[in-house]
Amino acid sequence: MLFITMLISFLGTAGIALPYPVLAPYFLDYPANELTHFAGINPKLLLGIALALYPLGMLIGSSFIGALSDIYGRRLVLTITLAGTTVGYLLTAYAVVIESYPLFIISRLLAGVCEGNVSIARAMAADLHPHIEKVKAMSLLFATVYAGWLIGPLAGGYLMIFGIGWVFGIAAIATLLTIVVVLFGVAHRVERPEENRSLARIVNEENSFRLLKERDLWPIFSFYFIYTMAINLFYEFYPVWLVERLGYDSQQIAWMTVVITAFMIFSSLIVASRLIGFVGQFNSLIGSVLILSFSTLALTFSTENIVYSLFALMGISIAINNAVTPTYMSDRFGHFGQGKVMGLQTSLFFLANVVMAILGSLISMLSVNATLQVASGAFLFALIWFLLSGESKKSQSP
């Protein structure tokens, strides 16, 4: 089952990541068209809106999709949402062909809602405990996620020569392959066969955000929200920074993404679980966030010669934190339902993504360096928040 979970994560993530390196060059460097200059609006703002609506959809979807999989089973919910994702990608490709910005952002929103199913893979990894240690399962799962982020952008960067529409079309094919894997590789199992509530009532009552009424969750989840605001600001706007500061094209952005994701994979497979086992979850979290804050700030003063080294260092640190945080959340709060807990984590990630896509687009119009400097400060603030909360003491206890 772990292999199937990893394969689902890889194919799904590759589909998500395929268009990632092409949007900034398409909006900022390519000849003007009706889509990229819709209603005479600044292309940077149009890009920010497009970047924001996709994670907004994922925020909406992840708030209830994970909980639905706790009830109706992982396979059924995965299959339905993956089919919706495929439709979203095909509509996005069509929007590019007819140069319709409204259809482009609507289809990105639809795909995003269905891609809220990423929380299901994390829940499936947590389900494997005690057969597989959670830290190991999460590390391996995220290794395949990073592999998807490596292969997807690289493929997208090179497919761009055929047109951006082809990029979204290939993403749809990757999603279809994921459906096949789910249908043949995941056993059908209804988690709660006694369930007789309506779907609307379940979505309302089992929404992951309802967990926030549990005050014990606030310290770690608020830290995670601030941390992911920093991560998302970096991820959404380092392609813009590479375009404006270093003059990179889509293929060069793709290779820079390869660097950071390759070191994420290396860290997940070799470093993360061993380091966490040796120094503990608390010290691993502290060290990884400090390094991320330093590295992001250092980028704004760096030359092209050391950019690759900083991206590598960030990749290692991100992988360590991604192994620590969901494992800790699962251990502490899994009794609420693994799908619901992972759904809340995913929802907060995408809420941060929405906020920073809009805020980052405004900051970038003033200074693209400022987007990375704000990200660095947010990493540091998240760490200080965590250290001042009671949760930091609990994380150090046996």
Protein backbone atom coordinates (compact mmCIF):
# COMPACT_ATOMS: atom_id res chain seq x y z
CA MET A 1 0.00 0.00 0.00
CA LEU A 2 2.88 2.41 0.69
CA PHE A 3 4.14 1.94 -2.88
CA ILE A 4 0.67 2.70 -4.29
CA THR A 5 0.35 5.75 -2.07
CA MET A 6 3.75 6.99 -3.24
CA LEU A 7 2.87 6.38 -6.91
CA ILE A 8 -0.42 8.27 -6.53
CA SER A 9 1.43 11.18 -4.92
CA PHE A 10 4.07 11.21 -7.66
CA LEU A 11 1.66 11.19 -10.60
CA GLY A 12 -0.72 13.67 -8.99
CA THR A 13 2.04 16.08 -8.02
CA ALA A 14 3.69 15.87 -11.44
CA GLY A 15 0.38 16.89 -12.97
CA ILE A 16 0.05 19.83 -10.57
CA ALA A 17 3.65 20.94 -11.06
CA LEU A 18 3.79 20.62 -14.84
CA PRO A 19 2.54 24.18 -15.51
CA TYR A 20 4.50 25.72 -12.63
CA PRO A 21 7.54 27.17 -14.46
CA VAL A 22 5.58 28.45 -17.46
CA LEU A 23 3.15 30.93 -15.91
CA ALA A 24 5.61 33.68 -14.97
CA PRO A 25 7.32 33.75 -18.41
CA TYR A 26 3.93 33.45 -20.15
CA PHE A 27 2.48 36.48 -18.36
CA LEU A 28 5.64 38.60 -18.15
CA ASP A 29 7.85 37.79 -21.14
CA TYR A 30 5.64 36.47 -23.96
CA PRO A 31 3.96 38.68 -26.56
CA ALA A 32 0.85 40.39 -25.23
CA ASN A 33 -2.49 38.67 -25.85
CA GLU A 34 -6.09 38.92 -24.62
CA LEU A 35 -5.42 36.52 -21.75
CA THR A 36 -2.23 38.02 -20.31
CA HIS A 37 -3.39 41.64 -20.71
CA PHE A 38 -7.06 41.18 -19.85
CA ALA A 39 -8.93 44.50 -19.47
CA GLY A 40 -5.63 46.40 -19.53
CA ILE A 41 -4.72 45.13 -16.05
CA ASN A 42 -1.04 44.88 -15.05
CA PRO A 43 0.16 41.35 -16.05
CA LYS A 44 1.77 40.92 -12.61
CA LEU A 45 -1.61 41.42 -10.96
CA LEU A 46 -3.28 39.05 -13.43
CA LEU A 47 -0.57 36.50 -12.64
CA GLY A 48 -1.13 37.00 -8.91
CA ILE A 49 -4.88 36.41 -9.28
CA ALA A 50 -4.26 33.27 -11.37
CA LEU A 51 -1.78 32.03 -8.79
CA ALA A 52 -4.23 32.77 -5.96
CA LEU A 53 -7.36 31.13 -7.38
CA TYR A 54 -5.77 27.72 -7.81
CA PRO A 55 -4.78 27.36 -4.13
CA LEU A 56 -8.12 28.98 -3.18
CA GLY A 57 -9.78 26.03 -4.88
CA MET A 58 -7.44 23.64 -3.07
CA LEU A 59 -8.29 25.39 0.19
CA ILE A 60 -11.99 24.82 -0.41
CA GLY A 61 -11.51 21.21 -1.50
CA SER A 62 -9.06 20.15 1.18
CA SER A 63 -11.34 21.47 3.92
CA PHE A 64 -13.79 18.62 3.31
CA ILE A 65 -12.30 16.09 0.87
CA GLY A 66 -10.05 14.48 3.48
CA ALA A 67 -12.97 14.16 5.89
CA LEU A 68 -15.14 12.63 3.13
CA SER A 69 -12.46 10.01 2.55
CA ASP A 70 -12.68 9.11 6.26
CA ILE A 71 -16.33 8.26 5.65
CA TYR A 72 -16.75 7.00 2.08
CA GLY A 73 -13.30 5.48 1.61
CA ARG A 74 -10.08 6.71 0.05
CA ARG A 75 -10.54 5.14 -3.42
CA LEU A 76 -14.01 6.51 -4.21
CA VAL A 77 -13.24 10.07 -3.18
CA LEU A 78 -9.85 10.03 -4.93
CA THR A 79 -11.38 8.78 -8.20
CA ILE A 80 -14.12 11.40 -8.30
CA THR A 81 -11.83 14.31 -7.46
CA LEU A 82 -9.15 13.21 -9.92
CA ALA A 83 -11.78 13.12 -12.68
CA GLY A 84 -12.72 16.69 -11.77
CA THR A 85 -9.07 17.71 -11.91
CA THR A 86 -8.76 16.29 -15.42
CA VAL A 87 -11.72 18.37 -16.59
CA GLY A 88 -10.18 21.46 -14.98
CA TYR A 89 -6.87 21.00 -16.82
CA LEU A 90 -8.61 20.46 -20.16
CA LEU A 91 -10.67 23.62 -19.69
CA THR A 92 -7.51 25.53 -18.79
CA ALA A 93 -5.86 24.39 -22.03
CA TYR A 94 -8.93 25.49 -23.98
CA ALA A 95 -8.88 28.89 -22.24
CA VAL A 96 -5.31 29.40 -23.44
CA VAL A 97 -6.27 28.50 -26.99
CA ILE A 98 -9.15 31.02 -27.11
CA GLU A 99 -7.20 33.54 -24.94
CA SER A 100 -9.95 33.84 -22.31
CA TYR A 101 -8.67 35.02 -18.93
CA PRO A 102 -12.06 34.53 -17.17
CA LEU A 103 -12.25 30.89 -18.32
CA PHE A 104 -8.58 30.45 -17.42
CA ILE A 105 -9.05 31.45 -13.79
CA ILE A 106 -12.39 29.61 -13.43
CA SER A 107 -10.86 26.38 -14.71
CA ARG A 108 -7.85 26.85 -12.43
CA LEU A 109 -10.26 27.25 -9.51
CA LEU A 110 -12.12 24.06 -10.48
CA ALA A 111 -8.89 22.08 -10.77
CA GLY A 112 -7.80 23.46 -7.44
CA VAL A 113 -10.97 22.36 -5.63
CA CYS A 114 -10.47 18.81 -6.85
CA GLU A 115 -6.73 18.87 -6.10
CA GLY A 116 -7.70 19.31 -2.46
CA ASN A 117 -7.45 15.52 -2.48
CA VAL A 118 -3.72 15.74 -1.65
CA SER A 119 -4.71 15.39 2.01
CA ILE A 120 -5.96 11.85 1.26
CA ALA A 121 -2.46 10.60 0.38
CA ARG A 122 -1.13 11.91 3.70
CA ALA A 123 -4.00 10.23 5.53
CA MET A 124 -3.22 6.97 3.69
CA ALA A 125 0.42 7.22 4.82
CA ALA A 126 -0.68 7.80 8.42
CA ASP A 127 -3.05 4.81 8.14
CA LEU A 128 -0.04 2.52 7.64
CA HIS A 129 1.05 2.99 11.28
CA PRO A 130 2.04 0.83 13.19
CA HIS A 131 3.14 -1.37 10.26
CA ILE A 132 5.42 1.45 9.08
CA GLU A 133 6.82 4.18 11.34
CA LYS A 134 5.04 7.48 10.63
CA VAL A 135 8.19 9.55 10.17
CA LYS A 136 9.51 7.02 7.65
CA ALA A 137 6.15 6.79 5.84
CA MET A 138 5.82 10.59 5.65
CA SER A 139 9.43 10.97 4.50
CA LEU A 140 8.95 8.44 1.70
CA LEU A 141 5.61 9.97 0.73
CA PHE A 142 7.09 13.45 0.50
CA ALA A 143 10.05 12.07 -1.46
CA THR A 144 7.62 11.07 -4.21
CA VAL A 145 5.87 14.44 -3.93
CA TYR A 146 9.23 16.13 -4.48
CA ALA A 147 9.95 13.78 -7.38
CA GLY A 148 6.70 14.98 -8.94
CA TRP A 149 7.82 18.56 -8.42
CA LEU A 150 11.13 17.67 -10.09
CA ILE A 151 9.77 15.87 -13.15
CA GLY A 152 6.67 18.03 -13.60
CA PRO A 153 8.31 21.47 -13.91
CA LEU A 154 11.17 20.07 -15.98
CA ALA A 155 8.69 18.57 -18.43
CA GLY A 156 6.61 21.76 -18.38
CA GLY A 157 9.62 23.94 -19.12
CA TYR A 158 10.48 21.92 -22.22
CA LEU A 159 6.88 21.44 -23.37
CA MET A 160 6.52 25.23 -23.40
CA ILE A 161 8.09 25.28 -26.87
CA PHE A 162 4.89 23.63 -28.17
CA GLY A 163 2.68 26.18 -26.41
CA ILE A 164 1.31 26.58 -22.91
CA GLY A 165 -1.91 24.80 -23.88
CA TRP A 166 0.04 21.59 -24.38
CA VAL A 167 1.43 21.88 -20.85
CA PHE A 168 -2.06 21.76 -19.33
CA GLY A 169 -3.10 19.01 -21.73
CA ILE A 170 -0.21 16.78 -20.60
CA ALA A 171 -1.13 17.57 -16.98
CA ALA A 172 -4.61 16.18 -17.73
CA ILE A 173 -3.05 12.97 -19.08
CA ALA A 174 -0.95 12.58 -15.92
CA THR A 175 -4.10 12.92 -13.84
CA LEU A 176 -5.85 10.26 -15.93
CA LEU A 177 -2.94 7.89 -15.26
CA THR A 178 -3.37 8.57 -11.55
CA ILE A 179 -7.04 7.52 -11.80
CA VAL A 180 -5.98 4.20 -13.33
CA VAL A 181 -3.52 3.59 -10.49
CA VAL A 182 -6.20 4.39 -7.89
CA LEU A 183 -8.78 2.09 -9.48
CA PHE A 184 -6.43 -0.89 -9.71
CA GLY A 185 -4.17 -0.26 -6.73
CA VAL A 186 -6.37 0.98 -3.89
CA ALA A 187 -8.81 -1.39 -2.24
CA HIS A 188 -12.37 -0.15 -1.83
CA ARG A 189 -13.21 0.18 1.84
CA VAL A 190 -16.03 2.20 3.36
CA GLU A 191 -14.64 3.67 6.55
CA ARG A 192 -17.95 4.30 8.31
CA PRO A 193 -20.66 2.15 6.68
CA GLU A 194 -23.25 3.25 9.24
CA GLU A 195 -23.13 6.80 7.93
CA ASN A 196 -26.61 8.00 6.90
CA ARG A 197 -26.22 11.78 6.81
CA SER A 198 -26.65 13.73 3.59
CA LEU A 199 -23.54 14.78 1.70
CA ALA A 200 -24.22 18.46 2.35
CA ARG A 201 -24.57 17.80 6.09
CA ILE A 202 -21.36 15.77 6.16
CA VAL A 203 -19.44 18.51 4.33
CA ASN A 204 -20.75 21.04 6.85
CA GLU A 205 -20.28 18.98 10.01
CA GLU A 206 -17.01 17.23 9.09
CA ASN A 207 -15.27 20.30 7.63
CA SER A 208 -11.65 20.30 8.73
CA PHE A 209 -11.85 23.91 9.89
CA ARG A 210 -14.22 22.80 12.65
CA LEU A 211 -11.15 21.32 14.33
CA LEU A 212 -10.05 24.86 15.13
CA LYS A 213 -12.59 24.96 17.93
CA GLU A 214 -10.18 22.61 19.72
CA ARG A 215 -7.85 25.08 21.43
CA ASP A 216 -5.11 22.45 21.87
CA LEU A 217 -4.58 22.56 18.10
CA TRP A 218 -4.00 26.31 17.88
CA PRO A 219 -0.28 26.59 18.74
CA ILE A 220 1.08 24.06 16.23
CA PHE A 221 -1.43 24.86 13.51
CA SER A 222 -0.93 28.65 13.85
CA PHE A 223 2.84 28.10 13.61
CA TYR A 224 2.25 26.02 10.50
CA PHE A 225 0.05 28.71 8.96
CA ILE A 226 2.70 31.42 9.41
CA TYR A 227 5.43 29.05 8.20
CA THR A 228 3.46 28.18 5.06
CA MET A 229 2.83 31.84 4.31
CA ALA A 230 6.62 32.15 4.06
CA ILE A 231 6.96 28.96 2.00
CA ASN A 232 4.23 30.00 -0.41
CA LEU A 233 5.60 33.50 -0.86
CA PHE A 234 8.94 31.95 -1.79
CA TYR A 235 7.48 29.29 -4.08
CA GLU A 236 5.05 31.58 -5.88
CA PHE A 237 7.55 34.37 -6.55
CA TYR A 238 11.01 32.88 -6.89
CA PRO A 239 10.20 32.27 -10.60
CA VAL A 240 9.38 35.99 -10.89
CA TRP A 241 12.64 36.81 -9.06
CA LEU A 242 14.59 34.55 -11.44
CA VAL A 243 12.97 36.21 -14.47
CA GLU A 244 13.56 39.78 -13.32
CA ARG A 245 16.88 39.51 -11.47
CA LEU A 246 18.68 36.84 -13.49
CA GLY A 247 16.78 36.93 -16.80
CA TYR A 248 15.83 33.23 -16.65
CA ASP A 249 13.46 31.64 -19.16
CA SER A 250 11.03 28.76 -18.48
CA GLN A 251 13.67 26.06 -19.01
CA GLN A 252 16.15 27.71 -16.66
CA ILE A 253 13.41 28.10 -14.03
CA ALA A 254 12.61 24.42 -14.48
CA TRP A 255 16.25 23.46 -13.83
CA MET A 256 16.36 25.63 -10.73
CA THR A 257 13.25 23.77 -9.55
CA VAL A 258 15.10 20.53 -10.28
CA VAL A 259 17.88 21.60 -7.90
CA ILE A 260 15.63 22.33 -4.95
CA THR A 261 13.42 19.28 -5.45
CA ALA A 262 16.38 16.94 -6.00
CA PHE A 263 17.75 17.94 -2.61
CA MET A 264 14.28 17.53 -1.10
CA ILE A 265 14.23 13.96 -2.40
CA PHE A 266 17.74 13.31 -1.11
CA SER A 267 16.84 14.72 2.30
CA SER A 268 13.59 12.74 2.53
CA LEU A 269 15.20 9.45 1.54
CA ILE A 270 18.54 9.75 3.35
CA VAL A 271 18.63 12.60 5.85
CA ALA A 272 15.23 13.48 7.35
CA SER A 273 14.20 10.37 9.29
CA ARG A 274 17.76 9.74 10.53
CA LEU A 275 18.29 13.33 11.61
CA ILE A 276 14.92 13.53 13.34
CA GLY A 277 15.62 10.26 15.13
CA PHE A 278 19.03 11.54 16.27
CA VAL A 279 18.30 15.13 17.38
CA GLY A 280 14.53 14.91 17.91
CA GLN A 281 11.54 16.61 16.33
CA PHE A 282 11.97 19.89 18.22
CA ASN A 283 15.60 20.52 17.26
CA SER A 284 14.95 19.42 13.67
CA LEU A 285 12.10 21.91 13.36
CA ILE A 286 14.10 24.78 14.89
CA GLY A 287 17.17 24.19 12.73
CA SER A 288 15.26 23.77 9.47
CA VAL A 289 13.26 26.98 9.89
CA LEU A 290 16.34 29.00 10.87
CA ILE A 291 18.18 27.81 7.77
CA LEU A 292 15.19 28.65 5.57
CA SER A 293 15.03 32.19 6.98
CA PHE A 294 18.75 32.75 6.43
CA SER A 295 18.84 31.22 2.95
CA THR A 296 15.83 33.16 1.66
CA LEU A 297 17.32 36.44 2.84
CA ALA A 298 20.74 35.54 1.42
CA LEU A 299 19.19 35.02 -2.04
CA THR A 300 18.43 38.74 -2.32
CA PHE A 301 22.15 39.54 -1.97
CA SER A 302 23.49 36.60 -3.96
CA THR A 303 25.04 36.25 -7.38
CA GLU A 304 24.12 33.55 -9.88
CA ASN A 305 27.15 31.52 -8.78
CA ILE A 306 25.77 30.77 -5.31
CA VAL A 307 22.03 30.68 -6.06
CA TYR A 308 22.17 26.94 -6.73
CA SER A 309 23.85 26.29 -3.37
CA LEU A 310 21.21 28.29 -1.50
CA PHE A 311 18.39 26.46 -3.29
CA ALA A 312 19.99 23.13 -2.37
CA LEU A 313 20.23 24.14 1.29
CA MET A 314 16.60 25.22 1.27
CA GLY A 315 15.53 21.94 -0.31
CA ILE A 316 17.12 19.93 2.50
CA SER A 317 15.54 22.13 5.17
CA ILE A 318 12.05 22.06 3.64
CA ALA A 319 12.12 18.26 3.47
CA ILE A 320 13.11 17.96 7.14
CA ASN A 321 10.30 20.26 8.23
CA ASN A 322 7.78 18.47 6.01
CA ALA A 323 8.66 15.19 7.72
CA VAL A 324 8.43 16.63 11.24
CA THR A 325 5.25 18.69 11.12
CA PRO A 326 2.62 16.27 9.70
CA THR A 327 4.04 13.42 11.81
CA TYR A 328 3.69 15.48 14.97
CA MET A 329 0.16 16.59 14.01
CA SER A 330 -0.84 13.00 13.27
CA ASP A 331 0.57 11.71 16.56
CA ARG A 332 -1.03 14.44 18.66
CA PHE A 333 -4.40 14.80 16.99
CA GLY A 334 -5.01 11.69 14.87
CA HIS A 335 -7.90 10.66 17.14
CA PHE A 336 -9.98 13.35 15.41
CA GLY A 337 -9.56 11.41 12.13
CA GLN A 338 -6.40 11.29 10.06
CA GLY A 339 -8.19 12.58 6.96
CA LYS A 340 -9.65 15.51 8.86
CA VAL A 341 -6.34 16.42 10.54
CA MET A 342 -4.37 16.17 7.30
CA GLY A 343 -7.19 18.09 5.62
CA LEU A 344 -6.79 20.96 8.09
CA GLN A 345 -3.04 21.01 7.55
CA THR A 346 -3.54 21.08 3.79
CA SER A 347 -6.29 23.72 4.04
CA LEU A 348 -4.05 26.02 6.06
CA PHE A 349 -1.29 25.57 3.49
CA PHE A 350 -3.57 26.67 0.68
CA LEU A 351 -5.13 29.49 2.71
CA ALA A 352 -1.59 30.80 3.16
CA ASN A 353 -1.03 30.28 -0.57
CA VAL A 354 -4.04 32.43 -1.45
CA VAL A 355 -3.04 35.21 0.94
CA MET A 356 0.56 35.33 -0.23
CA ALA A 357 -0.24 35.07 -3.95
CA ILE A 358 -2.23 38.31 -3.74
CA LEU A 359 0.01 40.06 -1.21
CA GLY A 360 3.14 38.90 -3.04
CA SER A 361 1.92 40.25 -6.37
CA LEU A 362 1.46 43.67 -4.76
CA ILE A 363 4.88 43.53 -3.09
CA SER A 364 6.55 42.40 -6.31
CA MET A 365 5.25 45.47 -8.14
CA LEU A 366 7.34 47.52 -5.72
CA SER A 367 10.38 45.22 -5.51
CA VAL A 368 10.80 41.56 -6.38
CA ASN A 369 13.59 41.34 -3.78
CA ALA A 370 11.10 42.43 -1.13
CA THR A 371 9.01 39.28 -1.70
CA LEU A 372 11.93 37.09 -0.58
CA GLN A 373 12.83 39.43 2.28
CA VAL A 374 9.26 39.27 3.61
CA ALA A 375 9.37 35.48 3.29
CA SER A 376 12.57 35.38 5.33
CA GLY A 377 10.97 37.50 8.06
CA ALA A 378 7.87 35.28 8.10
CA PHE A 379 10.01 32.16 8.63
CA LEU A 380 11.66 33.82 11.61
CA PHE A 381 8.37 35.06 13.04
CA ALA A 382 6.84 31.56 12.77
CA LEU A 383 9.78 30.15 14.71
CA ILE A 384 9.52 32.78 17.44
CA TRP A 385 5.77 32.13 17.69
CA PHE A 386 6.38 28.41 18.10
CA LEU A 387 9.05 28.93 20.76
CA LEU A 388 6.78 31.23 22.77
CA SER A 389 3.83 28.82 22.63
CA GLY A 390 3.28 25.97 25.07
CA GLU A 391 3.38 23.55 22.14
CA SER A 392 7.18 23.85 21.90
CA LYS A 393 7.49 22.29 25.35
CA LYS A 394 5.16 19.42 24.43
CA SER A 395 7.23 18.72 21.31
CA GLN A 396 10.30 18.15 23.51
CA SER A 397 8.58 15.72 25.85
CA PRO A 398 8.98 11.97 25.29
